């Protein structure tokens, strides 16, 4: 009996899971000095310099996502993104104003309304190394949860949002600028940080997008060398909104921090290209 249970569990883990996936790829990537394009088009195989080469980041993200329809939320250099990805079978949704990750998700509301998958994945356009198995793990947890946050345990928690977890459930996601002011004894309980990648039941997500629209934040942003106040929406607010209504938000965590690394700077890009080259060499040796 035990062996049968193990075999069934292994079979479920290996089953291909279908989901509606949304890739947030609209931003400027202002920390990528020396590059003015869309970060999703940066190469994982370097050429004469890190910004020139082959195999854009977005290709690896799409390759690893679960089977099912995929949407790209675009804005910055959107024509270039469309030109590069046109043959990949993705849908495009324009984020007319860059108003946060929540604003990007709101821009893809039409995609969620038109698909019929039970589950959805939300991922970032500059995080290429999340494994297929990790996405499957997120979706499996959605059988018993309304939303799942993908977390990780970094060597240094500074600058990352943390998951405030109680009884194995995520009660809120708190950004670094706030939780760093908590008493040290409270900070000591924080272990899991937010990767910015989520899974959710599609019907639940659609319901709470309506509530998210009613929750804008005023944020100071640099635009053309000057600071201005802009209105933004945060995906992380969905966690608190769902908890307030008694819904369940769970989490799962990757084993290695590098799996959820975002490519924000030139140094990040060089490291990602080294990781990608090393993986390709290992595959060729097998």
Protein backbone atom coordinates (compact mmCIF):
# COMPACT_ATOMS: atom_id res chain seq x y z
CA UNK A 1 0.00 0.00 0.00
CA UNK A 2 2.80 2.43 0.90
CA UNK A 3 4.57 1.72 -2.38
CA UNK A 4 1.34 2.34 -4.29
CA UNK A 5 0.93 5.70 -2.57
CA UNK A 6 4.52 6.62 -3.41
CA UNK A 7 4.07 5.64 -7.05
CA UNK A 8 0.84 7.64 -7.28
CA UNK A 9 2.50 10.70 -5.75
CA UNK A 10 5.44 10.40 -8.15
CA UNK A 11 3.07 10.10 -11.10
CA UNK A 12 1.21 13.23 -10.02
CA UNK A 13 4.49 15.12 -9.73
CA UNK A 14 5.47 14.14 -13.26
CA UNK A 15 2.10 14.96 -14.82
CA UNK A 16 2.12 17.99 -17.08
CA UNK A 17 -0.05 20.65 -15.51
CA UNK A 18 -1.88 23.24 -17.59
CA UNK A 19 -2.21 26.84 -16.45
CA UNK A 20 -2.78 30.33 -17.81
CA UNK A 21 0.55 32.15 -17.42
CA UNK A 22 1.16 35.89 -17.28
CA UNK A 23 4.67 37.29 -17.79
CA UNK A 24 5.22 40.85 -16.59
CA UNK A 25 7.57 42.41 -19.15
CA UNK A 26 6.60 46.07 -19.35
CA UNK A 27 9.21 47.93 -17.30
CA UNK A 28 12.18 50.11 -18.22
CA UNK A 29 14.83 48.23 -16.24
CA UNK A 30 16.47 51.50 -15.16
CA UNK A 31 19.18 49.71 -13.11
CA UNK A 32 20.56 48.04 -16.26
CA UNK A 33 23.06 50.80 -17.01
CA UNK A 34 24.22 50.98 -20.61
CA UNK A 35 21.13 49.20 -21.98
CA UNK A 36 17.99 50.99 -23.12
CA UNK A 37 16.03 48.04 -24.49
CA UNK A 38 13.56 45.71 -22.83
CA UNK A 39 15.32 43.39 -20.35
CA UNK A 40 13.38 40.35 -21.50
CA UNK A 41 15.32 40.54 -24.78
CA UNK A 42 18.76 40.46 -23.16
CA UNK A 43 20.78 37.42 -24.28
CA UNK A 44 21.57 34.44 -22.08
CA UNK A 45 24.35 33.54 -24.50
CA UNK A 46 26.76 36.47 -24.67
CA UNK A 47 28.39 37.68 -27.85
CA UNK A 48 31.00 40.42 -28.14
CA UNK A 49 29.60 41.99 -24.96
CA UNK A 50 26.92 41.01 -22.40
CA UNK A 51 24.22 43.05 -24.17
CA UNK A 52 24.75 41.35 -27.51
CA UNK A 53 24.33 37.66 -28.17
CA UNK A 54 21.72 34.95 -28.64
CA UNK A 55 18.76 33.33 -26.91
CA UNK A 56 16.80 36.11 -25.16
CA UNK A 57 15.78 35.73 -21.52
CA UNK A 58 12.11 35.56 -22.51
CA UNK A 59 12.72 32.36 -24.49
CA UNK A 60 13.90 30.51 -21.38
CA UNK A 61 11.00 31.81 -19.30
CA UNK A 62 8.42 30.65 -21.84
CA UNK A 63 10.17 27.29 -22.25
CA UNK A 64 9.91 26.52 -18.53
CA UNK A 65 6.33 27.65 -17.92
CA UNK A 66 3.57 25.04 -17.71
CA UNK A 67 1.56 24.08 -20.75
CA UNK A 68 -1.31 26.43 -21.47
CA UNK A 69 -1.93 29.93 -22.86
CA UNK A 70 0.63 32.62 -22.10
CA UNK A 71 0.33 36.39 -22.02
CA UNK A 72 3.06 39.03 -22.15
CA UNK A 73 2.30 42.36 -20.46
CA UNK A 74 4.29 44.91 -22.46
CA UNK A 75 5.03 48.63 -22.60
CA UNK A 76 8.70 49.64 -22.94
CA UNK A 77 10.01 48.88 -26.45
CA UNK A 78 6.91 46.76 -26.98
CA UNK A 79 7.30 46.59 -30.76
CA UNK A 80 10.71 44.95 -30.34
CA UNK A 81 9.31 42.46 -27.83
CA UNK A 82 6.48 41.54 -30.19
CA UNK A 83 8.88 41.16 -33.12
CA UNK A 84 11.15 38.75 -31.22
CA UNK A 85 8.37 36.66 -29.66
CA UNK A 86 5.81 36.67 -32.47
CA UNK A 87 6.34 33.01 -33.32
CA UNK A 88 5.99 31.74 -29.74
CA UNK A 89 2.21 31.70 -29.61
CA UNK A 90 1.84 34.26 -26.81
CA UNK A 91 -0.86 36.90 -26.36
CA UNK A 92 0.05 40.55 -25.82
CA UNK A 93 -1.50 42.97 -23.35
CA UNK A 94 -0.38 46.58 -23.22
CA UNK A 95 0.15 48.26 -19.87
CA UNK A 96 -0.55 51.83 -21.02
CA UNK A 97 0.90 53.41 -17.87
CA UNK A 98 3.67 51.86 -15.79
CA UNK A 99 1.75 51.72 -12.52
CA UNK A 100 3.30 48.81 -10.64
CA UNK A 101 3.14 45.03 -10.72
CA UNK A 102 -0.51 45.17 -9.73
CA UNK A 103 -1.16 47.54 -12.61
CA UNK A 104 0.52 45.06 -14.97
CA UNK A 105 -1.73 42.28 -13.69
CA UNK A 106 -4.79 44.47 -14.09
CA UNK A 107 -3.72 45.10 -17.69
CA UNK A 108 -3.93 41.33 -18.30
CA UNK A 109 -7.45 41.00 -16.89
CA UNK A 110 -8.88 40.37 -20.36
CA UNK A 111 -6.54 37.40 -20.80
CA UNK A 112 -7.74 35.83 -17.55
CA UNK A 113 -11.37 36.39 -18.57
CA UNK A 114 -10.89 34.71 -21.94
CA UNK A 115 -9.07 31.57 -20.80
CA UNK A 116 -10.69 28.60 -19.07
CA UNK A 117 -7.77 27.13 -17.11
CA UNK A 118 -8.47 26.61 -13.43
CA UNK A 119 -5.06 27.85 -12.34
CA UNK A 120 -2.86 30.80 -13.24
CA UNK A 121 0.82 31.65 -12.89
CA UNK A 122 2.22 35.16 -12.57
CA UNK A 123 5.93 35.52 -13.24
CA UNK A 124 8.49 38.21 -14.03
CA UNK A 125 10.12 38.85 -17.39
CA UNK A 126 13.65 38.96 -15.98
CA UNK A 127 13.68 35.75 -13.90
CA UNK A 128 14.69 33.01 -16.38
CA UNK A 129 15.82 30.08 -14.24
CA UNK A 130 12.62 29.01 -12.47
CA UNK A 131 12.28 25.29 -13.18
CA UNK A 132 9.31 23.53 -14.72
CA UNK A 133 9.08 21.39 -11.57
CA UNK A 134 8.87 24.53 -9.43
CA UNK A 135 5.92 25.88 -11.39
CA UNK A 136 4.26 22.46 -11.09
CA UNK A 137 4.79 22.57 -7.34
CA UNK A 138 3.08 25.96 -7.15
CA UNK A 139 0.11 24.68 -9.13
CA UNK A 140 -0.23 21.50 -7.06
CA UNK A 141 -0.59 23.60 -3.93
CA UNK A 142 -3.43 25.52 -5.55
CA UNK A 143 -5.57 22.42 -5.17
CA UNK A 144 -5.90 23.32 -1.49
CA UNK A 145 -5.07 27.06 -1.48
CA UNK A 146 -6.48 30.15 -3.15
CA UNK A 147 -3.07 31.70 -3.82
CA UNK A 148 0.52 30.49 -3.50
CA UNK A 149 3.66 32.64 -3.18
CA UNK A 150 6.98 31.30 -4.43
CA UNK A 151 9.61 32.08 -1.83
CA UNK A 152 13.32 31.63 -1.27
CA UNK A 153 15.81 31.92 1.59
CA UNK A 154 18.61 34.32 0.54
CA UNK A 155 22.05 34.62 2.06
CA UNK A 156 21.21 38.28 2.76
CA UNK A 157 17.58 39.27 3.31
CA UNK A 158 18.26 43.01 2.92
CA UNK A 159 16.21 44.74 0.20
CA UNK A 160 13.82 41.78 -0.17
CA UNK A 161 10.18 41.63 0.81
CA UNK A 162 9.51 38.92 3.39
CA UNK A 163 6.64 36.52 3.89
CA UNK A 164 5.00 36.92 7.29
CA UNK A 165 3.92 33.35 7.93
CA UNK A 166 1.59 32.08 10.65
CA UNK A 167 0.66 28.41 11.00
CA UNK A 168 2.14 27.65 7.59
CA UNK A 169 0.09 30.33 5.81
CA UNK A 170 1.20 33.67 4.37
CA UNK A 171 -0.61 36.47 6.17
CA UNK A 172 1.10 39.36 4.43
CA UNK A 173 4.13 40.29 2.34
CA UNK A 174 6.09 43.16 3.88
CA UNK A 175 8.65 45.19 1.97
CA UNK A 176 12.18 45.70 3.27
CA UNK A 177 11.73 49.41 4.01
CA UNK A 178 9.01 48.50 6.51
CA UNK A 179 10.14 45.23 8.10
CA UNK A 180 13.68 46.53 8.70
CA UNK A 181 12.12 48.78 11.34
CA UNK A 182 10.61 45.83 13.22
CA UNK A 183 12.20 44.80 16.55
CA UNK A 184 15.12 42.42 16.04
CA UNK A 185 13.37 39.58 17.88
CA UNK A 186 10.50 39.81 15.40
CA UNK A 187 12.85 39.98 12.42
CA UNK A 188 14.53 36.80 13.61
CA UNK A 189 11.39 34.83 12.72
CA UNK A 190 11.56 35.86 9.08
CA UNK A 191 13.23 33.28 6.85
CA UNK A 192 11.39 33.22 3.53
CA UNK A 193 11.53 36.12 1.07
CA UNK A 194 9.26 36.95 -1.83
CA UNK A 195 10.45 35.99 -5.34
CA UNK A 196 7.72 38.01 -7.06
CA UNK A 197 6.25 34.84 -8.59
CA UNK A 198 2.77 33.64 -7.71
CA UNK A 199 0.09 31.11 -8.46
CA UNK A 200 -3.62 31.67 -7.98
CA UNK A 201 -6.97 30.17 -8.77
CA UNK A 202 -8.04 32.07 -11.87
CA UNK A 203 -11.59 32.76 -10.71
CA UNK A 204 -10.35 34.03 -7.36
CA UNK A 205 -7.74 36.21 -9.02
CA UNK A 206 -10.36 37.84 -11.25
CA UNK A 207 -12.55 38.59 -8.25
CA UNK A 208 -9.71 40.21 -6.32
CA UNK A 209 -8.42 42.24 -9.23
CA UNK A 210 -11.58 44.30 -8.80
CA UNK A 211 -10.62 44.95 -5.18
CA UNK A 212 -7.00 45.66 -6.12
CA UNK A 213 -8.16 48.43 -8.47
CA UNK A 214 -9.61 50.21 -5.44
CA UNK A 215 -6.27 50.17 -3.60
CA UNK A 216 -3.78 52.53 -5.31
CA UNK A 217 -0.56 53.69 -3.62
CA UNK A 218 1.20 57.03 -4.06
CA UNK A 219 4.87 56.33 -4.81
CA UNK A 220 7.78 58.70 -5.54
CA UNK A 221 9.55 57.72 -8.77
CA UNK A 222 12.38 59.19 -10.80
CA UNK A 223 11.28 60.22 -14.28
CA UNK A 224 13.65 62.05 -16.65
CA UNK A 225 15.95 63.02 -13.81
CA UNK A 226 13.29 64.34 -11.44
CA UNK A 227 11.16 62.82 -8.72
CA UNK A 228 7.42 62.74 -9.24
CA UNK A 229 4.49 61.14 -7.39
CA UNK A 230 2.85 58.32 -9.31
CA UNK A 231 -0.07 56.02 -8.58
CA UNK A 232 0.82 52.31 -8.44
CA UNK A 233 -0.83 49.00 -7.59
CA UNK A 234 0.97 46.12 -5.86
CA UNK A 235 0.36 42.41 -6.41
CA UNK A 236 1.43 41.84 -2.80
CA UNK A 237 -1.77 43.58 -1.64
CA UNK A 238 -3.71 40.56 -2.92
CA UNK A 239 -2.33 38.51 -0.01
CA UNK A 240 -3.77 40.85 2.60
CA UNK A 241 -7.06 41.28 0.73
CA UNK A 242 -7.58 37.52 0.53
CA UNK A 243 -6.63 36.99 4.16
CA UNK A 244 -9.10 39.65 5.22
CA UNK A 245 -11.84 37.57 3.59
CA UNK A 246 -10.73 34.30 5.14
CA UNK A 247 -9.10 32.82 2.03
CA UNK A 248 -5.94 30.74 2.23
CA UNK A 249 -2.57 31.90 0.90
CA UNK A 250 0.22 29.33 1.02
CA UNK A 251 3.82 29.25 -0.11
CA UNK A 252 6.50 27.01 -1.46
CA UNK A 253 10.23 27.73 -1.57
CA UNK A 254 13.02 26.91 -4.01
CA UNK A 255 16.15 25.13 -2.82
CA UNK A 256 18.63 27.55 -4.40
CA UNK A 257 18.49 31.34 -4.46
CA UNK A 258 19.87 31.43 -8.02
CA UNK A 259 16.72 29.77 -9.35
CA UNK A 260 14.72 32.95 -8.70
CA UNK A 261 17.44 35.50 -9.39
CA UNK A 262 16.24 38.60 -11.21
CA UNK A 263 18.47 40.19 -13.82
CA UNK A 264 18.51 43.83 -12.74
CA UNK A 265 22.08 44.96 -13.41
CA UNK A 266 24.93 44.27 -15.84
CA UNK A 267 26.59 42.19 -13.11
CA UNK A 268 23.42 40.09 -12.76
CA UNK A 269 23.37 39.56 -16.52
CA UNK A 270 26.98 38.39 -16.64
CA UNK A 271 26.30 35.95 -13.78
CA UNK A 272 23.16 34.66 -15.52
CA UNK A 273 25.11 34.09 -18.74
CA UNK A 274 27.74 32.14 -16.80
CA UNK A 275 25.05 30.00 -15.15
CA UNK A 276 23.36 29.35 -18.49
CA UNK A 277 26.63 28.42 -20.20
CA UNK A 278 27.55 26.05 -17.37
CA UNK A 279 24.17 24.33 -17.55
CA UNK A 280 24.47 23.89 -21.29
CA UNK A 281 27.91 22.31 -20.89
CA UNK A 282 26.55 19.91 -18.29
CA UNK A 283 23.66 18.91 -20.58
CA UNK A 284 26.04 18.27 -23.48
CA UNK A 285 28.15 15.97 -21.30
CA UNK A 286 25.14 13.81 -20.40
